[in-house]
Every structure is written in C-alpha cells, then in structure tokens.
Amino acid sequence: MRLFVRDVAGTTHCVEPAPTESIANLKERLAGVQCCASTEQCLLFGGRSLRDEELLGECGVEEESTIFLSAELSGGGKKRKKKTYTKPKKIKHKRKKVKLAVLKFYKVDSNDKVGT
C-alpha cells in the first residue's frame, strides 16, 4: 500500500506501510523522516484525527491516499485580564413619546389661521 504524508511545511513524503500496520508504527516510521517525535505527531485523514491503536485498514485509508501530519501544540490561548472601569457606565437618554407633539409648535387663532 502506498500512502502520501503531507507535513506542516507542505512537503509530501511517500510511505509504503501494510494495511495491517497500526498508526503508532506509522508515526514511528515518520519520526525518522521528520524532526518531531512520534508522541508529538498528530495524523489526520478524512477530516478526523487517527488514534494510535487503530489499524490503517480500519481507518478507511486506501491506496495512494493523503494523510496530513501536524504537530500537537501544548498550552492554549493567553488568559486575558478582565477590564475594571473607574467610572460607572453612562446611561443612554431615552426619548419620551408624546402623542400629537406637533400641535405644540402651531397655534390656531380665532380666524382659523395657523400661526407659529
């Protein structure tokens, strides 16, 4: 069985394992080619991570398939400090709705004339 392994740098390596070989054995073989140890490697195929105890035939890996090799990263995102505000939040101004508010601007005199 011939497989292609694409690493983090984007280079592709050709490997010929048996279908009954485990993922852990494949990682050991790739550790000789790559600079990272087999415990730090993560193999991806078909959108999912391959576990060490699985066999290549059970994972659905076929002839001339491409397996992606990535390195496991330790840690996570940086913890962010919670902001403390010195002043209280400013309350937004709410407008009061007044019915027929336009009538306050105009006045009707005794001759039925509209004035301002």
N, C-alpha and C. Protein backbone atom coordinates (compact mmCIF):
# COMPACT_ATOMS: atom_id res chain seq x y z
N MET A 1 0.85 -1.18 0.00
CA MET A 1 0.00 0.00 0.00
C MET A 1 0.89 1.23 0.00
N ARG A 2 0.61 2.17 -0.89
CA ARG A 2 1.39 3.40 -0.99
C ARG A 2 0.54 4.55 -0.45
N LEU A 3 1.14 5.32 0.48
CA LEU A 3 0.46 6.48 1.07
C LEU A 3 1.33 7.71 0.90
N PHE A 4 0.69 8.85 0.85
CA PHE A 4 1.39 10.13 0.82
C PHE A 4 1.13 10.84 2.13
N VAL A 5 2.18 11.35 2.73
CA VAL A 5 2.07 12.06 4.01
C VAL A 5 2.53 13.49 3.79
N ARG A 6 1.63 14.45 4.00
CA ARG A 6 1.96 15.86 3.85
C ARG A 6 2.20 16.44 5.23
N ASP A 7 3.38 17.05 5.42
CA ASP A 7 3.74 17.56 6.75
C ASP A 7 3.40 19.04 6.88
N VAL A 8 3.81 19.63 7.98
CA VAL A 8 3.47 21.02 8.31
C VAL A 8 4.08 21.99 7.30
N ALA A 9 5.28 21.68 6.80
CA ALA A 9 5.96 22.57 5.85
C ALA A 9 5.34 22.50 4.46
N GLY A 10 4.51 21.50 4.20
CA GLY A 10 3.86 21.36 2.90
C GLY A 10 4.55 20.36 1.99
N THR A 11 5.62 19.73 2.44
CA THR A 11 6.29 18.73 1.62
C THR A 11 5.58 17.39 1.77
N THR A 12 5.59 16.61 0.69
CA THR A 12 4.90 15.33 0.67
C THR A 12 5.93 14.21 0.66
N HIS A 13 5.72 13.23 1.53
CA HIS A 13 6.60 12.06 1.63
C HIS A 13 5.80 10.83 1.22
N CYS A 14 6.46 9.90 0.53
CA CYS A 14 5.82 8.66 0.11
C CYS A 14 6.21 7.55 1.09
N VAL A 15 5.21 6.84 1.62
CA VAL A 15 5.43 5.77 2.59
C VAL A 15 4.67 4.54 2.08
N GLU A 16 5.24 3.35 2.29
CA GLU A 16 4.57 2.12 1.86
C GLU A 16 4.38 1.18 3.05
N PRO A 17 3.35 1.43 3.88
CA PRO A 17 3.06 0.53 5.01
C PRO A 17 2.11 -0.58 4.58
N ALA A 18 1.97 -1.59 5.43
CA ALA A 18 0.99 -2.65 5.21
C ALA A 18 -0.36 -2.19 5.75
N PRO A 19 -1.47 -2.70 5.18
CA PRO A 19 -2.80 -2.30 5.68
C PRO A 19 -3.05 -2.73 7.12
N THR A 20 -2.29 -3.72 7.60
CA THR A 20 -2.47 -4.19 8.98
C THR A 20 -1.57 -3.45 9.96
N GLU A 21 -0.83 -2.48 9.48
CA GLU A 21 0.07 -1.72 10.36
C GLU A 21 -0.72 -0.70 11.17
N SER A 22 -0.31 -0.50 12.41
CA SER A 22 -1.03 0.45 13.28
C SER A 22 -0.55 1.87 13.02
N ILE A 23 -1.34 2.81 13.49
CA ILE A 23 -1.00 4.23 13.34
C ILE A 23 0.25 4.56 14.15
N ALA A 24 0.42 3.90 15.30
CA ALA A 24 1.61 4.14 16.13
C ALA A 24 2.88 3.73 15.40
N ASN A 25 2.83 2.60 14.67
CA ASN A 25 4.00 2.17 13.89
C ASN A 25 4.30 3.15 12.76
N LEU A 26 3.25 3.68 12.13
CA LEU A 26 3.44 4.66 11.06
C LEU A 26 4.06 5.94 11.61
N LYS A 27 3.64 6.35 12.81
CA LYS A 27 4.23 7.54 13.44
C LYS A 27 5.70 7.32 13.75
N GLU A 28 6.06 6.11 14.20
CA GLU A 28 7.47 5.80 14.48
C GLU A 28 8.29 5.88 13.20
N ARG A 29 7.73 5.38 12.10
CA ARG A 29 8.41 5.44 10.82
C ARG A 29 8.59 6.88 10.35
N LEU A 30 7.57 7.71 10.58
CA LEU A 30 7.64 9.12 10.17
C LEU A 30 8.56 9.93 11.08
N ALA A 31 8.79 9.46 12.30
CA ALA A 31 9.68 10.18 13.23
C ALA A 31 11.11 10.18 12.69
N GLY A 32 11.49 9.13 11.94
CA GLY A 32 12.82 9.10 11.33
C GLY A 32 12.96 10.12 10.21
N VAL A 33 11.88 10.36 9.49
CA VAL A 33 11.90 11.33 8.38
C VAL A 33 11.73 12.75 8.90
N GLN A 34 10.81 12.93 9.85
CA GLN A 34 10.52 14.25 10.40
C GLN A 34 11.41 14.53 11.61
N CYS A 35 11.45 15.79 12.00
CA CYS A 35 12.27 16.17 13.15
C CYS A 35 11.53 16.00 14.48
N CYS A 36 10.21 15.85 14.46
CA CYS A 36 9.47 15.76 15.72
C CYS A 36 9.25 14.30 16.12
N ALA A 37 9.14 14.07 17.41
CA ALA A 37 8.97 12.72 17.96
C ALA A 37 7.57 12.20 17.65
N SER A 38 7.40 10.88 17.75
CA SER A 38 6.12 10.27 17.41
C SER A 38 5.03 10.64 18.41
N THR A 39 5.40 10.98 19.64
CA THR A 39 4.40 11.37 20.64
C THR A 39 3.82 12.75 20.36
N GLU A 40 4.55 13.59 19.63
CA GLU A 40 4.09 14.94 19.33
C GLU A 40 3.37 15.02 17.98
N GLN A 41 3.31 13.91 17.24
CA GLN A 41 2.68 13.92 15.92
C GLN A 41 1.19 13.67 16.03
N CYS A 42 0.46 14.26 15.10
CA CYS A 42 -0.98 14.04 15.00
C CYS A 42 -1.29 13.79 13.53
N LEU A 43 -1.83 12.61 13.21
CA LEU A 43 -2.16 12.26 11.83
C LEU A 43 -3.64 12.49 11.59
N LEU A 44 -3.96 13.14 10.46
CA LEU A 44 -5.34 13.46 10.11
C LEU A 44 -5.67 12.83 8.77
N PHE A 45 -6.84 12.19 8.69
CA PHE A 45 -7.30 11.62 7.43
C PHE A 45 -8.82 11.70 7.38
N GLY A 46 -9.34 12.18 6.28
CA GLY A 46 -10.79 12.26 6.11
C GLY A 46 -11.45 13.21 7.08
N GLY A 47 -10.74 14.23 7.53
CA GLY A 47 -11.31 15.22 8.43
C GLY A 47 -11.33 14.81 9.89
N ARG A 48 -10.69 13.71 10.24
CA ARG A 48 -10.66 13.29 11.65
C ARG A 48 -9.26 12.86 12.04
N SER A 49 -9.00 12.89 13.33
CA SER A 49 -7.70 12.51 13.87
C SER A 49 -7.63 10.99 14.00
N LEU A 50 -6.48 10.42 13.65
CA LEU A 50 -6.29 8.97 13.74
C LEU A 50 -5.67 8.62 15.08
N ARG A 51 -6.26 7.64 15.79
CA ARG A 51 -5.74 7.21 17.09
C ARG A 51 -4.61 6.22 16.89
N ASP A 52 -3.73 6.11 17.87
CA ASP A 52 -2.55 5.25 17.77
C ASP A 52 -2.90 3.76 17.67
N GLU A 53 -3.96 3.33 18.33
CA GLU A 53 -4.27 1.90 18.37
C GLU A 53 -5.01 1.41 17.13
N GLU A 54 -5.46 2.30 16.25
CA GLU A 54 -6.19 1.90 15.05
C GLU A 54 -5.24 1.34 14.00
N LEU A 55 -5.77 0.48 13.14
CA LEU A 55 -5.02 -0.04 12.01
C LEU A 55 -5.35 0.79 10.77
N LEU A 56 -4.43 0.82 9.82
CA LEU A 56 -4.64 1.63 8.61
C LEU A 56 -5.85 1.15 7.82
N GLY A 57 -6.06 -0.16 7.74
CA GLY A 57 -7.21 -0.70 7.01
C GLY A 57 -8.54 -0.36 7.65
N GLU A 58 -8.58 -0.26 8.98
CA GLU A 58 -9.82 0.06 9.70
C GLU A 58 -10.21 1.52 9.55
N CYS A 59 -9.23 2.38 9.32
CA CYS A 59 -9.49 3.83 9.26
C CYS A 59 -10.10 4.25 7.92
N GLY A 60 -10.13 3.36 6.95
CA GLY A 60 -10.63 3.72 5.63
C GLY A 60 -9.55 4.29 4.73
N VAL A 61 -8.30 4.13 5.11
CA VAL A 61 -7.18 4.61 4.30
C VAL A 61 -7.02 3.65 3.13
N GLU A 62 -7.04 4.19 1.91
CA GLU A 62 -6.93 3.37 0.71
C GLU A 62 -5.60 3.62 0.02
N GLU A 63 -5.38 2.92 -1.09
CA GLU A 63 -4.17 3.06 -1.88
C GLU A 63 -4.03 4.50 -2.38
N GLU A 64 -2.84 5.06 -2.23
CA GLU A 64 -2.48 6.41 -2.69
C GLU A 64 -3.33 7.50 -2.04
N SER A 65 -3.71 7.31 -0.79
CA SER A 65 -4.42 8.34 -0.03
C SER A 65 -3.40 9.31 0.56
N THR A 66 -3.87 10.50 0.88
CA THR A 66 -3.00 11.51 1.50
C THR A 66 -3.39 11.66 2.97
N ILE A 67 -2.39 11.50 3.83
CA ILE A 67 -2.57 11.69 5.27
C ILE A 67 -1.83 12.96 5.66
N PHE A 68 -2.46 13.79 6.45
CA PHE A 68 -1.85 15.06 6.85
C PHE A 68 -1.22 14.90 8.23
N LEU A 69 0.01 15.37 8.34
CA LEU A 69 0.77 15.29 9.59
C LEU A 69 0.84 16.68 10.20
N SER A 70 0.42 16.80 11.45
CA SER A 70 0.54 18.07 12.15
C SER A 70 1.14 17.80 13.52
N ALA A 71 1.67 18.83 14.12
CA ALA A 71 2.29 18.70 15.44
C ALA A 71 1.30 19.14 16.50
N GLU A 72 1.25 18.39 17.60
CA GLU A 72 0.38 18.77 18.71
C GLU A 72 1.03 19.91 19.47
N LEU A 73 0.26 20.91 19.78
CA LEU A 73 0.77 22.08 20.48
C LEU A 73 0.39 22.00 21.96
N SER A 74 1.30 22.39 22.81
CA SER A 74 1.00 22.39 24.23
C SER A 74 0.48 23.77 24.63
N GLY A 75 -0.41 23.78 25.58
CA GLY A 75 -0.94 25.05 26.06
C GLY A 75 -2.13 25.50 25.25
N GLY A 76 -2.57 26.69 25.54
CA GLY A 76 -3.73 27.23 24.86
C GLY A 76 -3.57 28.72 24.68
N GLY A 77 -4.67 29.39 24.54
CA GLY A 77 -4.64 30.83 24.36
C GLY A 77 -4.24 31.56 25.62
N LYS A 78 -3.75 32.75 25.43
CA LYS A 78 -3.32 33.57 26.56
C LYS A 78 -4.53 34.01 27.36
N LYS A 79 -4.44 33.94 28.69
CA LYS A 79 -5.53 34.39 29.54
C LYS A 79 -5.60 35.90 29.52
N ARG A 80 -6.77 36.41 29.30
CA ARG A 80 -6.93 37.87 29.23
C ARG A 80 -7.40 38.41 30.56
N LYS A 81 -6.88 39.60 30.88
CA LYS A 81 -7.23 40.25 32.13
C LYS A 81 -8.59 40.92 31.97
N LYS A 82 -9.43 40.80 32.99
CA LYS A 82 -10.75 41.41 32.94
C LYS A 82 -10.61 42.91 33.19
N LYS A 83 -11.31 43.70 32.37
CA LYS A 83 -11.23 45.15 32.50
C LYS A 83 -11.97 45.62 33.74
N THR A 84 -11.38 46.60 34.41
CA THR A 84 -12.06 47.24 35.54
C THR A 84 -12.28 48.70 35.17
N TYR A 85 -13.51 49.14 35.28
CA TYR A 85 -13.86 50.50 34.91
C TYR A 85 -13.86 51.38 36.15
N THR A 86 -13.29 52.60 36.01
CA THR A 86 -13.23 53.52 37.13
C THR A 86 -14.53 54.30 37.28
N LYS A 87 -15.16 54.64 36.16
CA LYS A 87 -16.42 55.39 36.20
C LYS A 87 -17.57 54.44 35.88
N PRO A 88 -18.75 54.72 36.45
CA PRO A 88 -19.90 53.89 36.10
C PRO A 88 -20.32 54.15 34.66
N LYS A 89 -21.01 53.19 34.08
CA LYS A 89 -21.46 53.32 32.70
C LYS A 89 -22.45 54.46 32.57
N LYS A 90 -22.33 55.20 31.47
CA LYS A 90 -23.23 56.30 31.20
C LYS A 90 -24.56 55.75 30.69
N ILE A 91 -25.66 56.20 31.28
CA ILE A 91 -26.98 55.73 30.90
C ILE A 91 -27.44 56.49 29.67
N LYS A 92 -27.91 55.77 28.67
CA LYS A 92 -28.37 56.41 27.44
C LYS A 92 -29.67 57.16 27.69
N HIS A 93 -29.82 58.28 26.98
CA HIS A 93 -31.02 59.11 27.09
C HIS A 93 -32.16 58.44 26.35
N LYS A 94 -33.30 58.29 27.02
CA LYS A 94 -34.47 57.71 26.38
C LYS A 94 -35.45 58.83 26.08
N ARG A 95 -35.89 58.89 24.84
CA ARG A 95 -36.85 59.93 24.45
C ARG A 95 -38.24 59.56 24.94
N LYS A 96 -38.96 60.58 25.38
CA LYS A 96 -40.34 60.37 25.80
C LYS A 96 -41.24 60.55 24.59
N LYS A 97 -42.12 59.62 24.36
CA LYS A 97 -43.05 59.73 23.24
C LYS A 97 -44.29 60.49 23.71
N VAL A 98 -44.58 61.59 23.02
CA VAL A 98 -45.74 62.42 23.35
C VAL A 98 -46.67 62.37 22.14
N LYS A 99 -47.92 62.02 22.38
CA LYS A 99 -48.88 61.96 21.28
C LYS A 99 -49.20 63.36 20.79
N LEU A 100 -49.29 63.51 19.51
CA LEU A 100 -49.61 64.78 18.84
C LEU A 100 -48.66 65.90 19.27
N ALA A 101 -47.39 65.62 19.32
CA ALA A 101 -46.39 66.59 19.76
C ALA A 101 -46.24 67.75 18.79
N VAL A 102 -46.65 67.56 17.54
CA VAL A 102 -46.52 68.62 16.53
C VAL A 102 -47.46 69.78 16.86
N LEU A 103 -48.56 69.52 17.53
CA LEU A 103 -49.53 70.57 17.84
C LEU A 103 -48.97 71.60 18.81
N LYS A 104 -47.89 71.29 19.52
CA LYS A 104 -47.30 72.24 20.44
C LYS A 104 -46.61 73.38 19.70
N PHE A 105 -46.20 73.15 18.47
CA PHE A 105 -45.46 74.15 17.71
C PHE A 105 -46.37 75.13 16.95
N TYR A 106 -47.62 74.77 16.72
CA TYR A 106 -48.53 75.62 15.95
C TYR A 106 -49.75 75.99 16.80
N LYS A 107 -50.28 77.19 16.55
CA LYS A 107 -51.48 77.64 17.25
C LYS A 107 -52.49 78.14 16.22
N VAL A 108 -53.75 77.89 16.51
CA VAL A 108 -54.82 78.33 15.61
C VAL A 108 -55.54 79.48 16.31
N ASP A 109 -55.62 80.64 15.62
CA ASP A 109 -56.29 81.79 16.23
C ASP A 109 -57.79 81.76 15.92
N SER A 110 -58.51 82.82 16.32
CA SER A 110 -59.97 82.86 16.18
C SER A 110 -60.41 82.94 14.72
N ASN A 111 -59.56 83.40 13.82
CA ASN A 111 -59.90 83.48 12.40
C ASN A 111 -59.54 82.18 11.66
N ASP A 112 -59.26 81.15 12.38
CA ASP A 112 -58.83 79.86 11.83
C ASP A 112 -57.54 79.96 11.02
N LYS A 113 -56.66 80.85 11.42
CA LYS A 113 -55.34 80.99 10.80
C LYS A 113 -54.32 80.22 11.64
N VAL A 114 -53.41 79.54 10.97
CA VAL A 114 -52.38 78.79 11.66
C VAL A 114 -51.17 79.69 11.83
N GLY A 115 -50.71 79.83 13.05
CA GLY A 115 -49.54 80.65 13.35
C GLY A 115 -48.50 79.84 14.10
N THR A 116 -47.32 80.38 14.14
CA THR A 116 -46.26 79.66 14.84
C THR A 116 -45.98 80.24 16.20
